Amino acid sequence: MKRIFLLLLFGLGVFSAQSQITVDNTLTVQQLIDDVLVLGQCAEVNNVTSPNNSSIGGELFDSYGAFDGTTSPQNFPFDGGIVLATNGVDMVPTGTPAQGGGYGWVGDPDLEALIQQPGNTYNATVIEFEFIPFVDQISFNYLLASDEYHTFVCNYADTFAFILSGPGISNVNDYNHDANPNTPDVTLDLGGQNIAVIPGTNIPINPTNIHINTNCGAGTLGEFAVPQLFDGVNSGNGSTMYNGQTVPLTASASVIPGQTYNIKLAIADRGDTAFNSAIFLESESFDLGGIDLGPDITIANGTAPCEGEIVTLDAGFSTANIQYFWAQDGNIIPGENGQTLEVTESGDYEVGIQIGAGGTACFGVSNLVTVEFYPEPEFAPNTPIDLCAGETITLDGEPTNSSAYTSIDYQWFKDGVELTSETNSTLDITDGGQYEVIIDANACEDTPNTYDVNLVDYQVNLLMPVDNCISPGETVQISPSFIGLTPAEINQVTYAWRYWRNYTFN
C-alpha cells in the first residue's frame, strides 16, 4: 500500500522543486568530520571511515555529504553541517525522485538490534571515527528529516543511532525500543551506548516516536509519540525534499578528558526503501573542547597573589598518551611538561599538548591566562632624623609603589608599642624614639618600615666677662657651654654668631 501511494505521488509531481539548501558531495569522509563537524583547535580525530554507504553498495550516487543551510530563505535550523541519508544526497535539496527507493544496499545490524527486527533495515549510511575530548561532556546538535512524515509515522520508522564507545561507556544498555510504556525494555550490547534518544529517556529517536499524527491506533509503532519535538511538515518550509523534520536536538554524553572514544553515526531505511530519511548534524557543534586554565589572575580583577607566593595552573587531566608544553609570554618553558605549572612570575601563560609519541606541540588548545603578582612594598631609604624639641614633623609611611595596590592598611608603633589609633599613612610626632609602620597591602604579608628619630633638646649658655664693656681695640673671648649634649654631639655643632647691629658667620 505504501509503495502504491509513492507511485501516485510521483505521478502527481508532488516532490517540491523549491527546496533551497545546497549539498556538497565532493568532500571526503575525513574532511566532513575534520573540517565540518568537529570543533577544536587541537582536535584529535582518527580512523575516520564509512563502512557502509551507497557507493559501497554499488550505487552511482553518494549518501553522505556537507550541506549549506544559509542558502535557504526558509531558514533551515542549521547554517551548515553534514548529512547522512538513505538516498542520494544530491536529491536532498531538489526532491528528485530518481535516487529514492529500491533495495540498493544493505542495512546495519546495530540498527536492526535497536528496532528488534533482524534483517529489516536497508540502505544504511554509516560514518565512524575516533576522537579525544578535552572536556568531561561532549555534545552535538542534529535533526531528523524524513519522508515518512506525515502519513506513514504510525507504522514506518526509518531508524538511526549515534553509538558512543570508550572508557566509562557501557556496551550493554537498556532501551525502550518501541516507546511503549507497557512493554519491557530490551537489553542490548551495541558495543557502546546509543545517545540518539528522546531527551530524558532511553527511547531511540525515529519518525514513529516524534510526530503530531493523532490517528495512530493502539498497538501501532506511532501510538506513543512526543509531539513537542516535531518541527513541522515540508522540512523547514521547503528547505529540503523531506516531508517533515524534528526540532533541533542535542546528543550528549559524559566522557573522560584525554581518553580515546569511538562514535558510530548510522541511519537506515526500515521495512522498505520506498521513502527516505536523513540526519543533519550541525557544523562545529561536535565540540571536543579545550583546556580551561581559568580566568586571568590580575590586580585589576582583585585576584593577584602576593610576590613570593605560588600560583598553580592546572590543565585538568593527565593521561599516558598526552604530553604538555607550558609557555610563558609565547616561549616554551624548558622541562615543564606536566599537568600543572607552578607560577612565580608575572606573565601570559598557556599550555600546548602533544598526543602520542613523535608528534609536535599544538598550542591554542587552552586559553591564554594572565598572571600578575602584587609587588612587595618599596620605601625610600631612611636615615636617622633629628627632631628639635618643641617642633613637629610628619613621618610618611606610604610605599613609593603604592599605585600598584588597591588597598593598604597602616599601623604605627613607637618603641615596639602599638599606637592603636594611628592607622593613617602619615604620623605627626613631637618626640624622639624608634617609629615603625606595618604595611598590609592587599592582604599580603605584613611589611615593616622603621624610622629612627633623635630628639634634639639642649641649652646654650654664653660665658661672658664680668664686665660686659670693652674698650676700643680690646679683645674679649666668649665661650658657649652646652647642657644636654654629649661630647660627641658637641663636636658636631656648627655655629652662627651675631651681634646687635650685624650678623657675622664664622
Protein backbone atom coordinates (compact mmCIF):
# COMPACT_ATOMS: atom_id res chain seq x y z
CA MET A 1 0.00 0.00 0.00
CA LYS A 2 2.83 2.36 0.88
CA ARG A 3 4.63 1.75 -2.41
CA ILE A 4 1.45 2.31 -4.42
CA PHE A 5 1.00 5.67 -2.71
CA LEU A 6 4.56 6.61 -3.62
CA LEU A 7 3.84 5.93 -7.29
CA LEU A 8 0.80 8.15 -7.08
CA LEU A 9 2.93 10.94 -5.62
CA PHE A 10 5.43 10.59 -8.44
CA GLY A 11 2.63 10.72 -10.97
CA LEU A 12 1.16 13.85 -9.43
CA GLY A 13 4.55 15.57 -9.31
CA VAL A 14 4.27 16.41 -5.61
CA PHE A 15 8.05 16.48 -4.90
CA SER A 16 8.98 20.09 -4.24
CA ALA A 17 11.23 21.91 -6.67
CA GLN A 18 11.55 24.83 -4.25
CA SER A 19 13.99 23.24 -1.82
CA GLN A 20 16.77 25.65 -1.11
CA ILE A 21 19.63 24.18 0.91
CA THR A 22 22.67 23.13 -1.09
CA VAL A 23 24.67 19.93 -0.74
CA ASP A 24 28.34 19.27 -1.50
CA ASN A 25 29.21 15.61 -2.11
CA THR A 26 32.82 16.27 -3.13
CA LEU A 27 34.31 16.18 0.37
CA THR A 28 35.92 13.04 1.67
CA VAL A 29 34.55 11.47 4.80
CA GLN A 30 37.72 12.63 6.59
CA GLN A 31 37.07 16.22 5.52
CA LEU A 32 33.45 16.02 6.61
CA ILE A 33 34.50 15.14 10.14
CA ASP A 34 37.70 17.18 10.44
CA ASP A 35 36.68 20.33 8.60
CA VAL A 36 32.91 20.48 9.04
CA LEU A 37 31.59 18.61 12.06
CA VAL A 38 34.28 18.67 14.74
CA LEU A 39 35.38 21.82 16.55
CA GLY A 40 38.64 22.14 18.46
CA GLN A 41 41.96 23.91 17.87
CA CYS A 42 43.90 20.74 18.65
CA ALA A 43 41.07 18.32 17.95
CA GLU A 44 42.37 14.78 17.69
CA VAL A 45 40.24 12.75 15.26
CA ASN A 46 41.47 9.46 13.86
CA ASN A 47 40.36 6.39 11.92
CA VAL A 48 37.53 8.12 10.07
CA THR A 49 35.74 5.55 7.94
CA SER A 50 32.44 4.90 6.23
CA PRO A 51 32.00 1.12 6.30
CA ASN A 52 28.57 1.31 4.69
CA ASN A 53 27.13 3.81 2.22
CA SER A 54 25.60 3.99 -1.23
CA SER A 55 28.93 3.87 -3.06
CA ILE A 56 29.98 0.72 -1.24
CA GLY A 57 26.59 -0.67 -2.18
CA GLY A 58 27.39 -0.08 -5.85
CA GLU A 59 25.17 2.95 -6.36
CA LEU A 60 26.22 5.82 -8.58
CA PHE A 61 25.31 8.49 -6.04
CA ASP A 62 26.60 9.49 -2.61
CA SER A 63 24.58 9.05 0.56
CA TYR A 64 26.60 11.46 2.68
CA GLY A 65 27.96 14.98 2.19
CA ALA A 66 28.10 18.51 3.50
CA PHE A 67 25.20 20.95 3.39
CA ASP A 68 24.86 24.72 3.43
CA GLY A 69 21.72 25.96 5.14
CA THR A 70 22.39 29.66 4.61
CA THR A 71 21.19 29.42 1.02
CA SER A 72 17.68 28.63 2.21
CA PRO A 73 15.38 31.66 2.53
CA GLN A 74 13.10 29.41 4.59
CA ASN A 75 15.65 29.45 7.44
CA PHE A 76 16.79 25.88 7.82
CA PRO A 77 17.73 25.49 11.52
CA PHE A 78 21.44 24.91 10.84
CA ASP A 79 23.72 27.15 8.80
CA GLY A 80 25.68 24.12 7.70
CA GLY A 81 26.92 20.69 8.61
CA ILE A 82 26.99 17.12 7.34
CA VAL A 83 24.11 14.96 6.19
CA LEU A 84 23.76 11.17 6.18
CA ALA A 85 20.84 9.83 4.16
CA THR A 86 19.18 6.64 3.00
CA ASN A 87 19.13 8.07 -0.51
CA GLY A 88 21.47 10.12 -2.66
CA VAL A 89 22.29 13.43 -1.03
CA ASP A 90 22.01 15.09 -4.44
CA MET A 91 18.26 14.76 -4.13
CA VAL A 92 18.11 16.27 -0.63
CA PRO A 93 17.68 19.86 -1.87
CA THR A 94 15.93 19.12 -5.15
CA GLY A 95 13.47 16.37 -4.35
CA THR A 96 14.41 14.49 -7.50
CA PRO A 97 12.87 11.03 -7.08
CA ALA A 98 15.33 9.19 -9.33
CA GLN A 99 17.63 8.30 -6.45
CA GLY A 100 14.98 7.19 -3.98
CA GLY A 101 13.56 3.74 -3.46
CA GLY A 102 14.90 0.40 -4.47
CA TYR A 103 16.75 -2.08 -2.31
CA GLY A 104 20.08 -0.57 -3.27
CA TRP A 105 22.37 -1.72 -0.46
CA VAL A 106 22.42 -3.42 2.89
CA GLY A 107 21.27 -2.18 6.27
CA ASP A 108 23.01 -2.13 9.64
CA PRO A 109 22.94 -4.84 12.34
CA ASP A 110 23.11 -2.39 15.26
CA LEU A 111 20.09 -0.52 13.97
CA GLU A 112 18.27 -3.80 13.50
CA ALA A 113 19.03 -4.70 17.10
CA LEU A 114 17.57 -1.39 18.25
CA ILE A 115 14.29 -1.98 16.43
CA GLN A 116 14.32 -5.68 17.31
CA GLN A 117 13.90 -6.70 13.67
CA PRO A 118 16.92 -8.58 12.31
CA GLY A 119 17.42 -8.19 8.58
CA ASN A 120 14.81 -5.46 8.25
CA THR A 121 16.95 -2.39 7.52
CA TYR A 122 18.21 -1.24 4.15
CA ASN A 123 20.27 1.49 2.53
CA ALA A 124 22.35 2.24 5.61
CA THR A 125 24.85 5.07 5.70
CA VAL A 126 27.47 4.83 8.43
CA ILE A 127 30.38 7.06 9.43
CA GLU A 128 32.67 6.14 12.31
CA PHE A 129 35.63 7.92 13.87
CA GLU A 130 37.76 8.07 16.98
CA PHE A 131 38.27 11.25 18.97
CA ILE A 132 39.94 12.50 22.13
CA PRO A 133 37.88 15.03 24.11
CA PHE A 134 39.33 17.74 26.34
CA VAL A 135 36.10 18.21 28.27
CA ASP A 136 34.09 15.90 30.51
CA GLN A 137 30.95 16.16 28.38
CA ILE A 138 30.65 16.03 24.62
CA SER A 139 27.59 17.05 22.64
CA PHE A 140 26.46 17.93 19.15
CA ASN A 141 23.28 19.17 17.51
CA TYR A 142 21.24 17.36 14.90
CA LEU A 143 17.78 16.84 13.47
CA LEU A 144 15.97 14.03 11.71
CA ALA A 145 14.14 14.68 8.43
CA SER A 146 12.03 12.02 6.76
CA ASP A 147 9.59 11.27 4.00
CA GLU A 148 7.80 9.03 6.50
CA TYR A 149 6.24 12.26 7.74
CA HIS A 150 3.34 12.84 7.89
CA THR A 151 1.33 9.92 6.52
CA PHE A 152 3.41 6.89 7.50
CA VAL A 153 4.53 7.68 11.04
CA CYS A 154 2.13 5.20 12.62
CA ASN A 155 3.83 2.15 11.13
CA TYR A 156 7.10 3.00 9.37
CA ALA A 157 10.14 4.04 11.36
CA ASP A 158 13.33 4.65 9.45
CA THR A 159 15.92 4.41 12.17
CA PHE A 160 19.25 5.89 13.14
CA ALA A 161 21.67 5.86 16.06
CA PHE A 162 24.77 7.54 17.43
CA ILE A 163 26.64 4.74 19.19
CA LEU A 164 29.37 6.01 21.51
CA SER A 165 32.00 3.69 22.99
CA GLY A 166 35.06 4.16 25.14
CA PRO A 167 36.17 4.49 28.76
CA GLY A 168 33.25 4.83 31.15
CA ILE A 169 30.67 3.97 28.47
CA SER A 170 28.79 0.72 28.95
CA ASN A 171 28.45 -1.53 25.92
CA VAL A 172 25.28 -3.07 27.35
CA ASN A 173 22.30 -0.77 27.88
CA ASP A 174 18.53 -0.90 28.19
CA TYR A 175 16.35 0.71 25.52
CA ASN A 176 12.64 1.32 25.21
CA HIS A 177 12.81 0.33 21.58
CA ASP A 178 9.13 0.90 20.76
CA ALA A 179 8.40 3.84 23.11
CA ASN A 180 5.58 1.74 24.58
CA PRO A 181 5.44 2.08 28.38
CA ASN A 182 3.56 -1.21 28.58
CA THR A 183 6.31 -3.33 27.04
CA PRO A 184 9.60 -4.14 28.75
CA ASP A 185 12.88 -2.51 27.78
CA VAL A 186 15.31 -4.55 25.77
CA THR A 187 18.89 -5.05 26.93
CA LEU A 188 21.32 -4.71 24.05
CA ASP A 189 25.06 -4.94 23.57
CA LEU A 190 25.76 -2.48 20.76
CA GLY A 191 29.44 -2.20 21.62
CA GLY A 192 28.59 1.20 23.07
CA GLN A 193 25.65 3.40 24.02
CA ASN A 194 23.15 4.96 21.63
CA ILE A 195 22.96 8.64 22.56
CA ALA A 196 20.35 9.49 19.90
CA VAL A 197 17.43 9.21 22.30
CA ILE A 198 14.47 11.35 23.27
CA PRO A 199 15.81 13.69 26.00
CA GLY A 200 15.49 12.25 29.48
CA THR A 201 14.55 8.78 28.22
CA ASN A 202 16.07 5.67 26.70
CA ILE A 203 13.75 5.82 23.68
CA PRO A 204 15.62 5.83 20.34
CA ILE A 205 14.54 8.63 18.03
CA ASN A 206 12.71 7.88 14.79
CA PRO A 207 9.63 9.23 12.96
CA THR A 208 7.22 6.98 14.86
CA ASN A 209 8.39 8.38 18.20
CA ILE A 210 8.30 12.07 17.22
CA HIS A 211 5.25 13.25 15.28
CA ILE A 212 1.89 15.01 15.62
CA ASN A 213 -0.37 12.45 13.94
CA THR A 214 -3.18 11.75 16.39
CA ASN A 215 -4.67 8.92 14.33
CA CYS A 216 -2.17 6.20 15.24
CA GLY A 217 -4.19 3.38 16.74
CA ALA A 218 -3.45 1.13 19.68
CA GLY A 219 -0.60 -1.25 19.04
CA THR A 220 0.95 0.78 16.22
CA LEU A 221 4.54 1.97 16.33
CA GLY A 222 3.42 5.59 16.39
CA GLU A 223 0.99 5.23 19.30
CA PHE A 224 3.30 6.78 21.93
CA ALA A 225 4.88 9.78 20.23
CA VAL A 226 6.34 13.01 21.61
CA PRO A 227 4.67 15.73 19.53
CA GLN A 228 6.55 18.69 21.03
CA LEU A 229 9.79 17.53 19.39
CA PHE A 230 8.24 17.66 15.90
CA ASP A 231 9.10 20.80 13.97
CA GLY A 232 6.76 20.77 11.01
CA VAL A 233 5.84 19.35 7.65
CA ASN A 234 7.71 20.25 4.47
CA SER A 235 11.03 20.07 6.32
CA GLY A 236 11.89 23.67 7.05
CA ASN A 237 9.12 25.08 4.86
CA GLY A 238 10.65 23.63 1.73
CA SER A 239 14.33 23.79 2.64
CA THR A 240 14.75 20.09 1.78
CA MET A 241 12.81 17.45 -0.11
CA TYR A 242 11.71 15.64 3.06
CA ASN A 243 8.11 15.83 4.18
CA GLY A 244 8.87 16.75 7.78
CA GLN A 245 11.54 17.07 10.41
CA THR A 246 12.15 17.17 14.14
CA VAL A 247 13.19 20.24 16.04
CA PRO A 248 16.94 20.59 16.53
CA LEU A 249 18.06 18.06 19.12
CA THR A 250 21.25 17.55 21.10
CA ALA A 251 23.10 14.30 21.67
CA SER A 252 25.37 14.35 24.70
CA ALA A 253 27.37 12.05 26.95
CA SER A 254 29.79 12.21 29.84
CA VAL A 255 33.36 11.31 28.91
CA ILE A 256 36.80 11.30 30.47
CA PRO A 257 39.07 14.07 29.15
CA GLY A 258 42.16 12.81 27.39
CA GLN A 259 40.76 9.34 26.68
CA THR A 260 40.03 7.87 23.24
CA TYR A 261 36.42 7.31 22.19
CA ASN A 262 34.70 5.96 19.09
CA ILE A 263 31.37 7.09 17.69
CA LYS A 264 29.27 5.47 15.01
CA LEU A 265 26.77 7.64 13.12
CA ALA A 266 24.27 5.44 11.30
CA ILE A 267 20.92 5.75 9.53
CA ALA A 268 18.89 3.23 7.51
CA ASP A 269 15.51 2.61 5.95
CA ARG A 270 13.30 0.27 7.93
CA GLY A 271 10.92 -2.23 6.41
CA ASP A 272 11.29 -0.96 2.84
CA THR A 273 13.14 1.68 0.85
CA ALA A 274 10.18 3.49 -0.67
CA PHE A 275 10.55 6.58 1.48
CA ASN A 276 13.79 8.06 2.69
CA SER A 277 15.22 9.81 5.71
CA ALA A 278 18.30 11.82 6.63
CA ILE A 279 20.07 13.12 9.69
CA PHE A 280 21.57 16.60 9.60
CA LEU A 281 24.41 17.30 12.04
CA GLU A 282 25.23 20.95 12.70
CA SER A 283 28.69 22.11 11.71
CA GLU A 284 31.22 22.59 14.52
CA SER A 285 28.68 21.53 17.13
CA PHE A 286 30.73 18.42 17.90
CA ASP A 287 32.96 20.38 20.25
CA LEU A 288 35.88 18.44 21.70
CA GLY A 289 36.52 21.39 23.97
CA GLY A 290 39.75 22.83 25.16
CA ILE A 291 41.76 23.22 28.31
CA ASP A 292 40.40 25.92 30.58
CA LEU A 293 43.16 27.42 32.70
CA GLY A 294 40.67 29.70 34.39
CA PRO A 295 40.25 33.48 34.37
CA ASP A 296 43.07 35.99 34.41
CA ILE A 297 44.72 36.34 37.79
CA THR A 298 45.35 40.07 37.85
CA ILE A 299 45.48 43.12 40.05
CA ALA A 300 42.55 44.64 38.15
CA ASN A 301 40.44 41.56 38.86
CA GLY A 302 41.40 41.65 42.52
CA THR A 303 42.77 38.11 42.31
CA ALA A 304 46.51 38.73 42.10
CA PRO A 305 48.59 36.93 44.73
CA CYS A 306 51.46 38.49 46.62
CA GLU A 307 55.03 38.42 45.44
CA GLY A 308 56.70 35.29 46.72
CA GLU A 309 53.53 33.22 46.58
CA ILE A 310 52.90 30.42 44.05
CA VAL A 311 50.06 30.17 41.55
CA THR A 312 49.34 26.66 40.26
CA LEU A 313 47.89 26.37 36.76
CA ASP A 314 46.20 23.04 36.05
CA ALA A 315 45.49 21.54 32.63
CA GLY A 316 42.76 19.46 34.25
CA PHE A 317 43.72 15.92 33.36
CA SER A 318 46.69 13.68 32.79
CA THR A 319 46.92 10.60 30.61
CA ALA A 320 49.81 8.49 29.42
CA ASN A 321 49.40 9.47 25.77
CA ILE A 322 49.37 13.24 26.30
CA GLN A 323 52.42 15.37 26.98
CA TYR A 324 52.09 19.01 27.95
CA PHE A 325 54.17 22.01 26.95
CA TRP A 326 53.81 25.14 29.07
CA ALA A 327 54.67 28.55 27.67
CA GLN A 328 55.22 31.97 29.22
CA ASP A 329 54.85 35.05 27.02
CA GLY A 330 54.96 32.84 23.93
CA ASN A 331 58.12 30.98 24.90
CA ILE A 332 58.08 27.29 25.84
CA ILE A 333 59.35 26.75 29.38
CA PRO A 334 62.04 24.04 29.29
CA GLY A 335 61.29 20.97 31.36
CA GLU A 336 57.70 21.89 32.17
CA ASN A 337 55.73 19.00 30.68
CA GLY A 338 53.37 18.01 33.45
CA GLN A 339 49.68 18.55 34.10
CA THR A 340 50.36 21.50 36.40
CA LEU A 341 52.66 24.51 36.37
CA GLU A 342 53.79 26.47 39.41
CA VAL A 343 53.95 30.15 38.51
CA THR A 344 56.03 32.66 40.47
CA GLU A 345 56.47 35.36 37.82
CA SER A 346 54.01 37.68 36.15
CA GLY A 347 53.28 36.84 32.52
CA ASP A 348 50.88 35.35 29.98
CA TYR A 349 50.67 31.57 30.25
CA GLU A 350 49.22 28.83 28.05
CA VAL A 351 49.62 25.11 27.59
CA GLY A 352 50.07 23.07 24.45
CA ILE A 353 49.67 19.35 24.01
CA GLN A 354 51.31 16.55 22.13
CA ILE A 355 49.27 13.40 21.66
CA GLY A 356 51.29 10.25 21.23
CA ALA A 357 54.98 9.87 20.56
CA GLY A 358 56.68 11.75 17.77
CA GLY A 359 54.07 14.48 17.42
CA THR A 360 54.52 18.21 17.71
CA ALA A 361 53.19 20.51 20.39
CA CYS A 362 49.86 22.05 19.47
CA PHE A 363 49.07 25.38 21.11
CA GLY A 364 45.66 27.01 21.05
CA VAL A 365 44.01 24.17 22.95
CA SER A 366 43.95 26.32 26.09
CA ASN A 367 43.05 29.89 26.85
CA LEU A 368 45.79 32.42 27.48
CA VAL A 369 45.76 33.35 31.15
CA THR A 370 47.48 36.44 32.51
CA VAL A 371 49.07 36.09 35.94
CA GLU A 372 50.14 39.12 37.95
CA PHE A 373 51.66 39.43 41.41
CA TYR A 374 51.39 42.27 43.85
CA PRO A 375 54.95 43.55 44.39
CA GLU A 376 56.45 43.94 47.82
CA PRO A 377 56.02 47.46 49.22
CA GLU A 378 59.02 49.68 48.49
CA PHE A 379 60.17 52.62 50.60
CA ALA A 380 62.63 55.46 50.14
CA PRO A 381 65.88 54.90 52.06
CA ASN A 382 65.61 56.01 55.67
CA THR A 383 68.32 57.94 57.56
CA PRO A 384 68.21 59.00 61.20
CA ILE A 385 66.00 62.03 61.72
CA ASP A 386 66.83 64.87 64.15
CA LEU A 387 63.83 66.47 65.78
CA CYS A 388 64.31 69.70 67.69
CA ALA A 389 62.46 69.98 70.94
CA GLY A 390 59.18 71.79 70.55
CA GLU A 391 58.91 71.09 66.84
CA THR A 392 56.55 68.73 64.97
CA ILE A 393 57.47 66.63 61.97
CA THR A 394 55.41 64.23 59.84
CA LEU A 395 56.52 60.70 59.06
CA ASP A 396 55.21 59.36 55.74
CA GLY A 397 54.65 55.60 55.66
CA GLU A 398 53.22 55.34 52.14
CA PRO A 399 55.22 52.99 49.87
CA THR A 400 56.80 54.55 46.81
CA ASN A 401 54.95 51.94 44.69
CA SER A 402 51.56 52.43 46.36
CA SER A 403 49.84 52.76 42.97
CA ALA A 404 50.32 49.01 42.49
CA TYR A 405 47.81 48.26 45.25
CA THR A 406 44.09 48.62 45.54
CA SER A 407 44.10 48.78 49.35
CA ILE A 408 46.73 49.49 52.01
CA ASP A 409 46.29 49.29 55.77
CA TYR A 410 48.69 51.06 58.13
CA GLN A 411 49.53 50.57 61.80
CA TRP A 412 52.10 52.70 63.62
CA PHE A 413 54.28 51.70 66.57
CA LYS A 414 56.67 53.62 68.83
CA ASP A 415 59.48 51.78 70.56
CA GLY A 416 57.60 48.50 69.95
CA VAL A 417 54.32 49.72 71.44
CA GLU A 418 51.30 49.86 69.13
CA LEU A 419 49.76 53.28 68.65
CA THR A 420 46.27 51.87 68.32
CA SER A 421 44.61 54.99 66.96
CA GLU A 422 47.32 55.72 64.40
CA THR A 423 46.22 53.93 61.21
CA ASN A 424 46.81 56.60 58.58
CA SER A 425 49.64 56.65 56.10
CA THR A 426 51.27 59.57 57.96
CA LEU A 427 52.13 60.20 61.60
CA ASP A 428 52.79 63.58 63.27
CA ILE A 429 55.40 63.31 66.03
CA THR A 430 56.91 65.67 68.63
CA ASP A 431 59.11 63.18 70.43
CA GLY A 432 62.10 61.05 69.61
CA GLY A 433 62.24 57.26 69.51
CA GLN A 434 62.06 54.38 67.07
CA TYR A 435 58.90 54.54 64.99
CA GLU A 436 57.66 51.70 62.84
CA VAL A 437 54.81 51.41 60.37
CA ILE A 438 53.44 47.99 59.40
CA ILE A 439 52.03 47.87 55.85
CA ASP A 440 49.28 45.41 54.91
CA ALA A 441 48.94 45.89 51.15
CA ASN A 442 46.14 43.86 49.60
CA ALA A 443 46.34 41.36 52.45
CA CYS A 444 49.89 40.45 51.54
CA GLU A 445 52.47 39.65 54.18
CA ASP A 446 52.96 42.50 56.65
CA THR A 447 55.89 44.72 55.68
CA PRO A 448 57.59 46.99 58.25
CA ASN A 449 59.41 50.26 57.74
CA THR A 450 61.41 51.86 60.57
CA TYR A 451 62.22 55.49 61.35
CA ASP A 452 64.86 56.43 63.96
CA VAL A 453 64.08 59.87 65.39
CA ASN A 454 66.60 61.67 67.59
CA LEU A 455 65.09 64.38 69.80
CA VAL A 456 67.48 67.32 69.99
CA ASP A 457 66.79 69.05 73.35
CA TYR A 458 69.64 71.22 74.85
CA GLN A 459 70.51 74.64 76.23
CA VAL A 460 73.37 77.02 75.29
CA ASN A 461 74.96 79.41 77.73
CA LEU A 462 77.50 82.09 76.77
CA LEU A 463 80.29 82.61 79.28
CA MET A 464 80.73 86.41 79.23
CA PRO A 465 83.32 88.54 81.10
CA VAL A 466 82.13 90.08 84.32
CA ASP A 467 82.49 93.46 82.75
CA ASN A 468 80.40 93.49 79.60
CA CYS A 469 82.09 96.66 78.42
CA ILE A 470 85.23 96.58 76.34
CA SER A 471 87.48 99.35 75.18
CA PRO A 472 88.15 100.08 71.54
CA GLY A 473 90.67 97.61 70.19
CA GLU A 474 90.25 95.31 73.15
CA THR A 475 89.53 91.59 72.52
CA VAL A 476 87.22 89.52 74.67
CA GLN A 477 86.70 85.74 74.30
CA ILE A 478 83.12 84.46 74.58
CA SER A 479 82.72 80.69 75.14
CA PRO A 480 79.40 78.85 74.72
CA SER A 481 78.59 75.95 77.03
CA PHE A 482 76.04 73.23 76.27
CA ILE A 483 73.65 71.44 78.58
CA GLY A 484 72.12 68.20 77.26
CA LEU A 485 74.71 67.34 74.64
CA THR A 486 77.33 64.65 74.76
CA PRO A 487 80.95 65.49 73.88
CA ALA A 488 80.49 63.70 70.57
CA GLU A 489 77.41 65.77 69.81
CA ILE A 490 79.22 68.96 70.80
CA ASN A 491 81.92 68.13 68.25
CA GLN A 492 79.23 68.10 65.55
CA VAL A 493 77.84 71.55 66.43
CA THR A 494 78.12 74.31 63.85
CA TYR A 495 78.00 77.94 64.97
CA ALA A 496 76.41 81.12 63.70
CA TRP A 497 77.45 84.27 65.54
CA ARG A 498 75.71 87.60 65.55
CA TYR A 499 75.86 90.87 67.38
CA TRP A 500 73.32 93.58 67.81
CA ARG A 501 73.78 95.50 64.64
CA ASN A 502 75.07 92.94 62.15
CA TYR A 503 75.37 89.19 61.71
CA THR A 504 78.71 87.59 61.35
CA PHE A 505 79.13 83.92 60.43
CA ASN A 506 82.35 82.11 61.20
